[in-house]
PDB file of N, CA and C in Angstrom:
ATOM      1  N   UNK A   1      54.125-113.432 -54.811  1.00  0.00           N
ATOM      2  CA  UNK A   1      54.087-114.155 -56.062  1.00  0.00           C
ATOM      3  C   UNK A   1      54.982-115.395 -55.787  1.00  0.00           C
ATOM      4  N   UNK A   2      54.500-116.810 -56.013  1.00  0.00           N
ATOM      5  CA  UNK A   2      55.166-118.047 -55.624  1.00  0.00           C
ATOM      6  C   UNK A   2      56.539-118.167 -56.119  1.00  0.00           C
ATOM      7  N   UNK A   3      57.050-117.205 -57.231  1.00  0.00           N
ATOM      8  CA  UNK A   3      58.194-117.430 -57.670  1.00  0.00           C
ATOM      9  C   UNK A   3      59.052-116.206 -57.177  1.00  0.00           C
ATOM     10  N   UNK A   4      58.702-115.025 -56.249  1.00  0.00           N
ATOM     11  CA  UNK A   4      59.559-114.217 -55.968  1.00  0.00           C
ATOM     12  C   UNK A   4      60.877-114.802 -55.307  1.00  0.00           C
ATOM     13  N   UNK A   5      61.678-113.893 -55.118  1.00  0.00           N
ATOM     14  CA  UNK A   5      63.169-114.304 -54.478  1.00  0.00           C
ATOM     15  C   UNK A   5      62.598-114.473 -53.008  1.00  0.00           C
ATOM     16  N   UNK A   6      61.682-113.488 -52.620  1.00  0.00           N
ATOM     17  CA  UNK A   6      61.602-113.565 -51.203  1.00  0.00           C
ATOM     18  C   UNK A   6      60.893-114.790 -50.671  1.00  0.00           C
ATOM     19  N   UNK A   7      59.911-115.226 -51.766  1.00  0.00           N
ATOM     20  CA  UNK A   7      59.035-116.492 -51.334  1.00  0.00           C
ATOM     21  C   UNK A   7      60.128-117.838 -51.463  1.00  0.00           C
ATOM     22  N   UNK A   8      61.191-117.677 -52.306  1.00  0.00           N
ATOM     23  CA  UNK A   8      61.990-118.570 -52.603  1.00  0.00           C
ATOM     24  C   UNK A   8      62.620-118.795 -51.317  1.00  0.00           C
ATOM     25  N   UNK A   9      63.555-117.659 -50.954  1.00  0.00           N
ATOM     26  CA  UNK A   9      64.095-117.696 -49.409  1.00  0.00           C
ATOM     27  C   UNK A   9      63.213-118.421 -48.452  1.00  0.00           C
ATOM     28  N   UNK A  10      61.901-117.973 -48.547  1.00  0.00           N
ATOM     29  CA  UNK A  10      60.984-118.526 -47.535  1.00  0.00           C
ATOM     30  C   UNK A  10      61.038-119.745 -47.581  1.00  0.00           C
ATOM     31  N   UNK A  11      60.881-120.507 -48.878  1.00  0.00           N
ATOM     32  CA  UNK A  11      60.739-121.621 -48.887  1.00  0.00           C
ATOM     33  C   UNK A  11      62.146-122.500 -48.510  1.00  0.00           C
ATOM     34  N   UNK A  12      63.137-121.954 -48.682  1.00  0.00           N
ATOM     35  CA  UNK A  12      64.532-122.634 -48.098  1.00  0.00           C
ATOM     36  C   UNK A  12      64.565-122.816 -46.804  1.00  0.00           C
ATOM     37  N   UNK A  13      64.142-121.647 -46.264  1.00  0.00           N
ATOM     38  CA  UNK A  13      64.145-121.646 -44.711  1.00  0.00           C
ATOM     39  C   UNK A  13      62.902-122.576 -44.089  1.00  0.00           C
ATOM     40  N   UNK A  14      61.893-122.522 -44.732  1.00  0.00           N
ATOM     41  CA  UNK A  14      61.092-123.970 -44.583  1.00  0.00           C
ATOM     42  C   UNK A  14      61.353-125.134 -44.344  1.00  0.00           C
ATOM     43  N   UNK A  15      62.166-125.395 -45.487  1.00  0.00           N
ATOM     44  CA  UNK A  15      63.137-126.974 -45.607  1.00  0.00           C
ATOM     45  C   UNK A  15      64.080-127.137 -44.456  1.00  0.00           C
ATOM     46  N   UNK A  16      64.792-125.985 -44.117  1.00  0.00           N
ATOM     47  CA  UNK A  16      65.501-126.352 -43.006  1.00  0.00           C
ATOM     48  C   UNK A  16      64.899-126.144 -41.480  1.00  0.00           C
ATOM     49  N   UNK A  17      63.905-125.647 -41.423  1.00  0.00           N
ATOM     50  CA  UNK A  17      62.938-125.721 -40.409  1.00  0.00           C
ATOM     51  C   UNK A  17      62.477-127.264 -39.949  1.00  0.00           C
ATOM     52  N   UNK A  18      61.716-127.508 -41.454  1.00  0.00           N
ATOM     53  CA  UNK A  18      61.100-128.694 -41.333  1.00  0.00           C
ATOM     54  C   UNK A  18      62.222-129.905 -41.108  1.00  0.00           C
ATOM     55  N   UNK A  19      63.597-129.750 -41.280  1.00  0.00           N
ATOM     56  CA  UNK A  19      64.666-130.496 -41.413  1.00  0.00           C
ATOM     57  C   UNK A  19      64.761-130.856 -39.971  1.00  0.00           C
ATOM     58  N   UNK A  20      65.023-129.432 -39.209  1.00  0.00           N
ATOM     59  CA  UNK A  20      65.210-129.253 -37.838  1.00  0.00           C
ATOM     60  C   UNK A  20      64.157-129.958 -36.962  1.00  0.00           C
ATOM     61  N   UNK A  21      62.856-129.915 -37.246  1.00  0.00           N
ATOM     62  CA  UNK A  21      61.762-130.344 -36.715  1.00  0.00           C
ATOM     63  C   UNK A  21      61.775-131.968 -36.859  1.00  0.00           C
ATOM     64  N   UNK A  22      62.231-132.519 -37.921  1.00  0.00           N
ATOM     65  CA  UNK A  22      62.343-133.922 -38.036  1.00  0.00           C
ATOM     66  C   UNK A  22      63.277-134.492 -37.211  1.00  0.00           C
ATOM     67  N   UNK A  23      64.172-133.793 -36.871  1.00  0.00           N
ATOM     68  CA  UNK A  23      65.432-134.317 -36.320  1.00  0.00           C
ATOM     69  C   UNK A  23      65.258-134.140 -34.663  1.00  0.00           C
ATOM     70  N   UNK A  24      64.432-132.754 -34.302  1.00  0.00           N
ATOM     71  CA  UNK A  24      64.689-132.742 -32.757  1.00  0.00           C
ATOM     72  C   UNK A  24      63.087-133.518 -32.196  1.00  0.00           C
ATOM     73  N   UNK A  25      62.259-133.264 -33.071  1.00  0.00           N
ATOM     74  CA  UNK A  25      60.848-133.934 -32.190  1.00  0.00           C
ATOM     75  C   UNK A  25      60.738-135.476 -31.952  1.00  0.00           C
ATOM     76  N   UNK A  26      61.586-136.243 -32.705  1.00  0.00           N
ATOM     77  CA  UNK A  26      61.568-137.494 -32.317  1.00  0.00           C
ATOM     78  C   UNK A  26      62.588-137.702 -30.935  1.00  0.00           C
ATOM     79  N   UNK A  27      63.504-136.712 -31.088  1.00  0.00           N
ATOM     80  CA  UNK A  27      64.401-136.928 -29.727  1.00  0.00           C
ATOM     81  C   UNK A  27      64.055-136.209 -28.526  1.00  0.00           C
ATOM     82  N   UNK A  28      62.665-135.804 -28.390  1.00  0.00           N
ATOM     83  CA  UNK A  28      62.020-135.137 -27.422  1.00  0.00           C
ATOM     84  C   UNK A  28      61.805-136.184 -26.573  1.00  0.00           C
ATOM     85  N   UNK A  29      61.260-137.669 -27.049  1.00  0.00           N
ATOM     86  CA  UNK A  29      61.146-138.646 -26.168  1.00  0.00           C
ATOM     87  C   UNK A  29      62.124-139.190 -25.262  1.00  0.00           C
ATOM     88  N   UNK A  30      63.409-138.933 -25.427  1.00  0.00           N
ATOM     89  CA  UNK A  30      64.510-139.049 -24.775  1.00  0.00           C
ATOM     90  C   UNK A  30      64.703-137.795 -23.258  1.00  0.00           C
ATOM     91  N   UNK A  31      63.811-136.943 -23.380  1.00  0.00           N
ATOM     92  CA  UNK A  31      64.020-135.941 -22.394  1.00  0.00           C
ATOM     93  C   UNK A  31      65.398-135.333 -22.080  1.00  0.00           C
ATOM     94  N   UNK A  32      65.632-134.654 -23.107  1.00  0.00           N
ATOM     95  CA  UNK A  32      67.256-134.124 -23.210  1.00  0.00           C
ATOM     96  C   UNK A  32      67.174-132.652 -22.566  1.00  0.00           C
ATOM     97  N   UNK A  33      67.762-132.518 -21.479  1.00  0.00           N
ATOM     98  CA  UNK A  33      67.613-130.934 -20.901  1.00  0.00           C
ATOM     99  C   UNK A  33      67.685-129.882 -22.001  1.00  0.00           C
ATOM    100  N   UNK A  34      66.853-128.754 -21.632  1.00  0.00           N
ATOM    101  CA  UNK A  34      67.082-127.583 -22.480  1.00  0.00           C
ATOM    102  C   UNK A  34      68.243-126.967 -22.474  1.00  0.00           C
ATOM    103  N   UNK A  35      68.590-126.257 -23.073  1.00  0.00           N
ATOM    104  CA  UNK A  35      69.850-125.411 -23.274  1.00  0.00           C
ATOM    105  C   UNK A  35      69.519-124.071 -24.040  1.00  0.00           C
ATOM    106  N   UNK A  36      69.916-122.926 -24.063  1.00  0.00           N
ATOM    107  CA  UNK A  36      69.741-121.770 -24.630  1.00  0.00           C
ATOM    108  C   UNK A  36      69.104-121.947 -25.972  1.00  0.00           C
ATOM    109  N   UNK A  37      70.145-122.739 -26.844  1.00  0.00           N
ATOM    110  CA  UNK A  37      69.856-122.996 -28.255  1.00  0.00           C
ATOM    111  C   UNK A  37      68.569-123.748 -28.549  1.00  0.00           C
ATOM    112  N   UNK A  38      68.146-124.626 -27.603  1.00  0.00           N
ATOM    113  CA  UNK A  38      67.058-125.412 -28.027  1.00  0.00           C
ATOM    114  C   UNK A  38      66.001-124.629 -27.601  1.00  0.00           C
ATOM    115  N   UNK A  39      65.895-123.653 -26.559  1.00  0.00           N
ATOM    116  CA  UNK A  39      64.864-122.976 -26.204  1.00  0.00           C
ATOM    117  C   UNK A  39      64.513-121.770 -27.005  1.00  0.00           C
ATOM    118  N   UNK A  40      65.613-121.233 -27.972  1.00  0.00           N
ATOM    119  CA  UNK A  40      65.481-120.429 -28.925  1.00  0.00           C
ATOM    120  C   UNK A  40      64.998-120.861 -30.140  1.00  0.00           C
ATOM    121  N   UNK A  41      65.349-122.040 -30.469  1.00  0.00           N
ATOM    122  CA  UNK A  41      64.875-122.680 -31.763  1.00  0.00           C
ATOM    123  C   UNK A  41      63.476-123.221 -31.439  1.00  0.00           C
ATOM    124  N   UNK A  42      63.063-123.394 -30.331  1.00  0.00           N
ATOM    125  CA  UNK A  42      61.461-124.103 -29.934  1.00  0.00           C
ATOM    126  C   UNK A  42      61.004-122.632 -30.599  1.00  0.00           C
ATOM    127  N   UNK A  43      60.864-121.586 -30.085  1.00  0.00           N
ATOM    128  CA  UNK A  43      60.342-120.427 -29.919  1.00  0.00           C
ATOM    129  C   UNK A  43      60.503-119.929 -31.638  1.00  0.00           C
ATOM    130  N   UNK A  44      61.765-119.971 -32.181  1.00  0.00           N
ATOM    131  CA  UNK A  44      61.782-119.421 -33.405  1.00  0.00           C
ATOM    132  C   UNK A  44      60.773-120.453 -34.387  1.00  0.00           C
ATOM    133  N   UNK A  45      60.892-121.738 -34.188  1.00  0.00           N
ATOM    134  CA  UNK A  45      60.177-122.481 -35.238  1.00  0.00           C
ATOM    135  C   UNK A  45      58.731-122.338 -34.959  1.00  0.00           C
ATOM    136  N   UNK A  46      58.233-122.124 -33.594  1.00  0.00           N
ATOM    137  CA  UNK A  46      56.856-121.927 -33.304  1.00  0.00           C
ATOM    138  C   UNK A  46      56.250-120.755 -34.226  1.00  0.00           C
ATOM    139  N   UNK A  47      57.021-119.479 -34.083  1.00  0.00           N
ATOM    140  CA  UNK A  47      56.761-118.390 -34.611  1.00  0.00           C
ATOM    141  C   UNK A  47      56.834-118.455 -36.068  1.00  0.00           C
ATOM    142  N   UNK A  48      57.832-119.196 -36.784  1.00  0.00           N
ATOM    143  CA  UNK A  48      57.865-119.278 -37.988  1.00  0.00           C
ATOM    144  C   UNK A  48      56.880-120.323 -38.618  1.00  0.00           C
ATOM    145  N   UNK A  49      56.321-121.144 -38.313  1.00  0.00           N
ATOM    146  CA  UNK A  49      55.354-121.726 -38.513  1.00  0.00           C
ATOM    147  C   UNK A  49      54.099-121.149 -38.714  1.00  0.00           C
ATOM    148  N   UNK A  50      53.796-120.150 -37.562  1.00  0.00           N
ATOM    149  CA  UNK A  50      52.654-119.694 -37.317  1.00  0.00           C
ATOM    150  C   UNK A  50      52.427-118.332 -38.534  1.00  0.00           C
ATOM    151  N   UNK A  51      53.783-117.762 -38.689  1.00  0.00           N
ATOM    152  CA  UNK A  51      53.817-116.625 -39.664  1.00  0.00           C
ATOM    153  C   UNK A  51      53.657-117.346 -40.960  1.00  0.00           C
ATOM    154  N   UNK A  52      54.264-118.754 -41.384  1.00  0.00           N
ATOM    155  CA  UNK A  52      54.085-119.547 -42.493  1.00  0.00           C
ATOM    156  C   UNK A  52      52.523-119.583 -42.749  1.00  0.00           C
ATOM    157  N   UNK A  53      51.647-119.900 -41.516  1.00  0.00           N
ATOM    158  CA  UNK A  53      50.291-120.089 -41.850  1.00  0.00           C
ATOM    159  C   UNK A  53      49.581-118.782 -42.255  1.00  0.00           C
ATOM    160  N   UNK A  54      50.004-117.468 -41.999  1.00  0.00           N
ATOM    161  CA  UNK A  54      49.545-116.166 -42.203  1.00  0.00           C
ATOM    162  C   UNK A  54      50.148-115.970 -43.583  1.00  0.00           C
ATOM    163  N   UNK A  55      51.463-116.242 -44.086  1.00  0.00           N
ATOM    164  CA  UNK A  55      51.804-115.943 -45.179  1.00  0.00           C
ATOM    165  C   UNK A  55      50.919-116.933 -46.364  1.00  0.00           C
ATOM    166  N   UNK A  56      50.615-118.045 -46.143  1.00  0.00           N
ATOM    167  CA  UNK A  56      49.642-118.890 -46.709  1.00  0.00           C
ATOM    168  C   UNK A  56      48.298-118.331 -47.134  1.00  0.00           C
ATOM    169  N   UNK A  57      48.102-117.591 -46.557  1.00  0.00           N
ATOM    170  CA  UNK A  57      46.892-116.595 -46.703  1.00  0.00           C
ATOM    171  C   UNK A  57      46.807-115.759 -47.741  1.00  0.00           C
ATOM    172  N   UNK A  58      47.979-115.275 -48.071  1.00  0.00           N
ATOM    173  CA  UNK A  58      48.304-113.967 -49.058  1.00  0.00           C
ATOM    174  C   UNK A  58      49.201-114.407 -50.115  1.00  0.00           C
ATOM    175  N   UNK A  59      49.519-115.629 -50.064  1.00  0.00           N
ATOM    176  CA  UNK A  59      50.615-115.791 -51.259  1.00  0.00           C
ATOM    177  C   UNK A  59      49.943-116.253 -52.450  1.00  0.00           C
ATOM    178  N   UNK A  60      50.268-115.758 -53.658  1.00  0.00           N
ATOM    179  CA  UNK A  60      49.358-116.147 -54.858  1.00  0.00           C
ATOM    180  C   UNK A  60      49.802-117.598 -54.937  1.00  0.00           C
ATOM    181  N   UNK A  61      49.251-118.243 -56.055  1.00  0.00           N
ATOM    182  CA  UNK A  61      49.581-119.692 -56.448  1.00  0.00           C
ATOM    183  C   UNK A  61      49.237-119.631 -57.903  1.00  0.00           C
ATOM    184  N   UNK A  62      49.644-120.910 -58.641  1.00  0.00           N
ATOM    185  CA  UNK A  62      49.453-121.197 -59.726  1.00  0.00           C
ATOM    186  C   UNK A  62      48.255-122.176 -59.792  1.00  0.00           C
ATOM    187  N   UNK A  63      47.055-122.037 -60.689  1.00  0.00           N
ATOM    188  CA  UNK A  63      46.521-122.893 -61.003  1.00  0.00           C
ATOM    189  C   UNK A  63      45.724-123.328 -62.065  1.00  0.00           C
ATOM    190  N   UNK A  64      46.058-124.400 -62.483  1.00  0.00           N
ATOM    191  CA  UNK A  64      45.910-124.848 -64.155  1.00  0.00           C
ATOM    192  C   UNK A  64      46.558-124.015 -64.904  1.00  0.00           C
ATOM    193  N   UNK A  65      47.719-123.442 -64.728  1.00  0.00           N
ATOM    194  CA  UNK A  65      48.666-122.493 -65.517  1.00  0.00           C
ATOM    195  C   UNK A  65      48.481-121.100 -65.313  1.00  0.00           C
ATOM    196  N   UNK A  66      47.099-120.664 -64.491  1.00  0.00           N
ATOM    197  CA  UNK A  66      47.294-119.181 -64.238  1.00  0.00           C
ATOM    198  C   UNK A  66      47.570-118.970 -62.812  1.00  0.00           C
ATOM    199  N   UNK A  67      48.036-117.496 -62.593  1.00  0.00           N
ATOM    200  CA  UNK A  67      48.371-117.152 -61.540  1.00  0.00           C
ATOM    201  C   UNK A  67      47.022-116.363 -60.625  1.00  0.00           C
ATOM    202  N   UNK A  68      46.888-117.159 -59.354  1.00  0.00           N
ATOM    203  CA  UNK A  68      45.743-116.500 -58.739  1.00  0.00           C
ATOM    204  C   UNK A  68      46.278-115.693 -57.771  1.00  0.00           C
ATOM    205  N   UNK A  69      45.734-114.182 -57.827  1.00  0.00           N
ATOM    206  CA  UNK A  69      46.122-113.467 -57.104  1.00  0.00           C
ATOM    207  C   UNK A  69      45.051-112.821 -56.173  1.00  0.00           C
ATOM    208  N   UNK A  70      44.029-113.205 -56.536  1.00  0.00           N
ATOM    209  CA  UNK A  70      42.678-112.680 -55.551  1.00  0.00           C
ATOM    210  C   UNK A  70      43.034-113.115 -54.319  1.00  0.00           C
ATOM    211  N   UNK A  71      42.946-112.312 -53.436  1.00  0.00           N
ATOM    212  CA  UNK A  71      43.414-112.720 -51.716  1.00  0.00           C
ATOM    213  C   UNK A  71      41.829-113.589 -51.255  1.00  0.00           C
ATOM    214  N   UNK A  72      41.154-113.391 -51.736  1.00  0.00           N
ATOM    215  CA  UNK A  72      39.937-114.277 -51.364  1.00  0.00           C
ATOM    216  C   UNK A  72      40.034-115.950 -51.907  1.00  0.00           C
ATOM    217  N   UNK A  73      40.302-115.588 -53.193  1.00  0.00           N
ATOM    218  CA  UNK A  73      40.396-116.930 -53.451  1.00  0.00           C
ATOM    219  C   UNK A  73      41.582-117.612 -53.247  1.00  0.00           C
ATOM    220  N   UNK A  74      42.752-116.861 -52.619  1.00  0.00           N
ATOM    221  CA  UNK A  74      43.950-117.670 -52.080  1.00  0.00           C
ATOM    222  C   UNK A  74      43.652-118.088 -50.901  1.00  0.00           C
ATOM    223  N   UNK A  75      42.518-117.470 -50.005  1.00  0.00           N
ATOM    224  CA  UNK A  75      42.457-117.899 -48.539  1.00  0.00           C
ATOM    225  C   UNK A  75      41.341-119.089 -48.642  1.00  0.00           C
ATOM    226  N   UNK A  76      40.254-118.803 -49.544  1.00  0.00           N
ATOM    227  CA  UNK A  76      39.497-119.890 -49.595  1.00  0.00           C
ATOM    228  C   UNK A  76      40.417-121.290 -49.924  1.00  0.00           C
ATOM    229  N   UNK A  77      41.570-121.250 -51.020  1.00  0.00           N
ATOM    230  CA  UNK A  77      42.293-122.462 -51.150  1.00  0.00           C
ATOM    231  C   UNK A  77      42.816-122.636 -50.055  1.00  0.00           C
ATOM    232  N   UNK A  78      43.303-122.056 -49.314  1.00  0.00           N
ATOM    233  CA  UNK A  78      44.158-122.308 -48.396  1.00  0.00           C
ATOM    234  C   UNK A  78      43.356-122.871 -47.284  1.00  0.00           C
ATOM    235  N   UNK A  79      42.407-122.385 -46.907  1.00  0.00           N
ATOM    236  CA  UNK A  79      41.360-122.994 -46.010  1.00  0.00           C
ATOM    237  C   UNK A  79      40.972-124.439 -46.253  1.00  0.00           C
ATOM    238  N   UNK A  80      40.736-124.823 -47.798  1.00  0.00           N
ATOM    239  CA  UNK A  80      40.431-125.801 -48.338  1.00  0.00           C
ATOM    240  C   UNK A  80      41.506-127.229 -48.359  1.00  0.00           C
ATOM    241  N   UNK A  81      42.701-126.632 -48.290  1.00  0.00           N
ATOM    242  CA  UNK A  81      43.804-127.272 -48.673  1.00  0.00           C
ATOM    243  C   UNK A  81      44.720-127.587 -47.274  1.00  0.00           C
ATOM    244  N   UNK A  82      45.584-126.666 -46.938  1.00  0.00           N
ATOM    245  CA  UNK A  82      46.780-126.879 -45.924  1.00  0.00           C
ATOM    246  C   UNK A  82      46.397-126.471 -44.675  1.00  0.00           C
ATOM    247  N   UNK A  83      45.050-125.613 -44.342  1.00  0.00           N
ATOM    248  CA  UNK A  83      44.621-124.976 -43.139  1.00  0.00           C
ATOM    249  C   UNK A  83      44.824-126.163 -41.961  1.00  0.00           C
ATOM    250  N   UNK A  84      43.705-127.195 -42.247  1.00  0.00           N
ATOM    251  CA  UNK A  84      43.562-128.066 -41.150  1.00  0.00           C
ATOM    252  C   UNK A  84      44.705-128.532 -40.621  1.00  0.00           C
ATOM    253  N   UNK A  85      45.631-129.164 -41.489  1.00  0.00           N
ATOM    254  CA  UNK A  85      46.832-129.608 -40.964  1.00  0.00           C
ATOM    255  C   UNK A  85      47.999-128.834 -40.354  1.00  0.00           C
ATOM    256  N   UNK A  86      48.057-127.835 -41.068  1.00  0.00           N
ATOM    257  CA  UNK A  86      48.795-126.383 -40.234  1.00  0.00           C
ATOM    258  C   UNK A  86      48.291-126.338 -38.761  1.00  0.00           C
ATOM    259  N   UNK A  87      46.778-126.177 -38.839  1.00  0.00           N
ATOM    260  CA  UNK A  87      46.348-125.965 -37.263  1.00  0.00           C
ATOM    261  C   UNK A  87      46.602-127.179 -36.360  1.00  0.00           C
ATOM    262  N   UNK A  88      46.453-128.369 -37.022  1.00  0.00           N
ATOM    263  CA  UNK A  88      46.728-129.710 -36.092  1.00  0.00           C
ATOM    264  C   UNK A  88      48.193-129.848 -35.457  1.00  0.00           C
ATOM    265  N   UNK A  89      49.449-128.928 -36.410  1.00  0.00           N
ATOM    266  CA  UNK A  89      50.541-129.158 -35.885  1.00  0.00           C
ATOM    267  C   UNK A  89      50.781-127.974 -35.300  1.00  0.00           C
ATOM    268  N   UNK A  90      50.425-126.613 -35.456  1.00  0.00           N
ATOM    269  CA  UNK A  90      50.705-125.399 -34.840  1.00  0.00           C
ATOM    270  C   UNK A  90      50.035-125.248 -33.372  1.00  0.00           C
ATOM    271  N   UNK A  91      48.470-125.301 -33.776  1.00  0.00           N
ATOM    272  CA  UNK A  91      47.969-124.783 -32.282  1.00  0.00           C
ATOM    273  C   UNK A  91      48.238-125.651 -31.081  1.00  0.00           C
ATOM    274  N   UNK A  92      48.381-126.843 -30.994  1.00  0.00           N
ATOM    275  CA  UNK A  92      48.927-127.440 -29.929  1.00  0.00           C
ATOM    276  C   UNK A  92      49.992-127.166 -29.188  1.00  0.00           C
ATOM    277  N   UNK A  93      51.112-126.662 -29.957  1.00  0.00           N
ATOM    278  CA  UNK A  93      52.444-126.280 -29.597  1.00  0.00           C
ATOM    279  C   UNK A  93      51.904-125.002 -28.958  1.00  0.00           C
ATOM    280  N   UNK A  94      51.183-123.941 -29.649  1.00  0.00           N
ATOM    281  CA  UNK A  94      50.812-122.962 -28.918  1.00  0.00           C
ATOM    282  C   UNK A  94      50.119-123.153 -27.334  1.00  0.00           C
ATOM    283  N   UNK A  95      49.197-124.182 -27.280  1.00  0.00           N
ATOM    284  CA  UNK A  95      48.611-124.485 -26.106  1.00  0.00           C
ATOM    285  C   UNK A  95      49.475-125.236 -24.979  1.00  0.00           C
ATOM    286  N   UNK A  96      50.523-125.721 -25.587  1.00  0.00           N
ATOM    287  CA  UNK A  96      51.659-126.284 -24.475  1.00  0.00           C
ATOM    288  C   UNK A  96      52.463-125.328 -24.050  1.00  0.00           C
ATOM    289  N   UNK A  97      52.707-124.195 -24.863  1.00  0.00           N
ATOM    290  CA  UNK A  97      53.447-122.957 -24.806  1.00  0.00           C
ATOM    291  C   UNK A  97      52.824-122.619 -23.459  1.00  0.00           C
ATOM    292  N   UNK A  98      51.282-122.129 -23.801  1.00  0.00           N
ATOM    293  CA  UNK A  98      50.655-121.389 -22.854  1.00  0.00           C
ATOM    294  C   UNK A  98      50.396-122.213 -21.405  1.00  0.00           C
ATOM    295  N   UNK A  99      50.497-123.403 -21.200  1.00  0.00           N
ATOM    296  CA  UNK A  99      50.341-124.249 -20.361  1.00  0.00           C
ATOM    297  C   UNK A  99      51.662-124.344 -19.451  1.00  0.00           C
ATOM    298  N   UNK A 100      52.561-124.046 -20.256  1.00  0.00           N
ATOM    299  CA  UNK A 100      54.010-123.988 -19.279  1.00  0.00           C
ATOM    300  C   UNK A 100      54.134-122.597 -18.644  1.00  0.00           C
ATOM    301  N   UNK A 101      53.509-121.509 -19.046  1.00  0.00           N
ATOM    302  CA  UNK A 101      53.547-120.364 -18.023  1.00  0.00           C
ATOM    303  C   UNK A 101      52.798-120.445 -16.828  1.00  0.00           C
TER     304      UNK A 101
END
């Protein structure tokens, strides 16, 4: 449910992760040396946003005042709305991670 306490906590964490990304991504142009915290946060944010994509496929939503709980409808809606943008943001990060190995 989009109003469950678990979903609200997830959304609060999303705001924190977005804030972190908004600060750290522009700073990456300065080639600041990595430290343990930055490496952990880099992985944490990548896994978090990837998990968010999966959760978006199964989280019900409200459409014209009605709660939509059908998984196929939820997935179709996600694919039509946020999926492309999420892929544009998350997939290159996984590619960069794979190339680092």
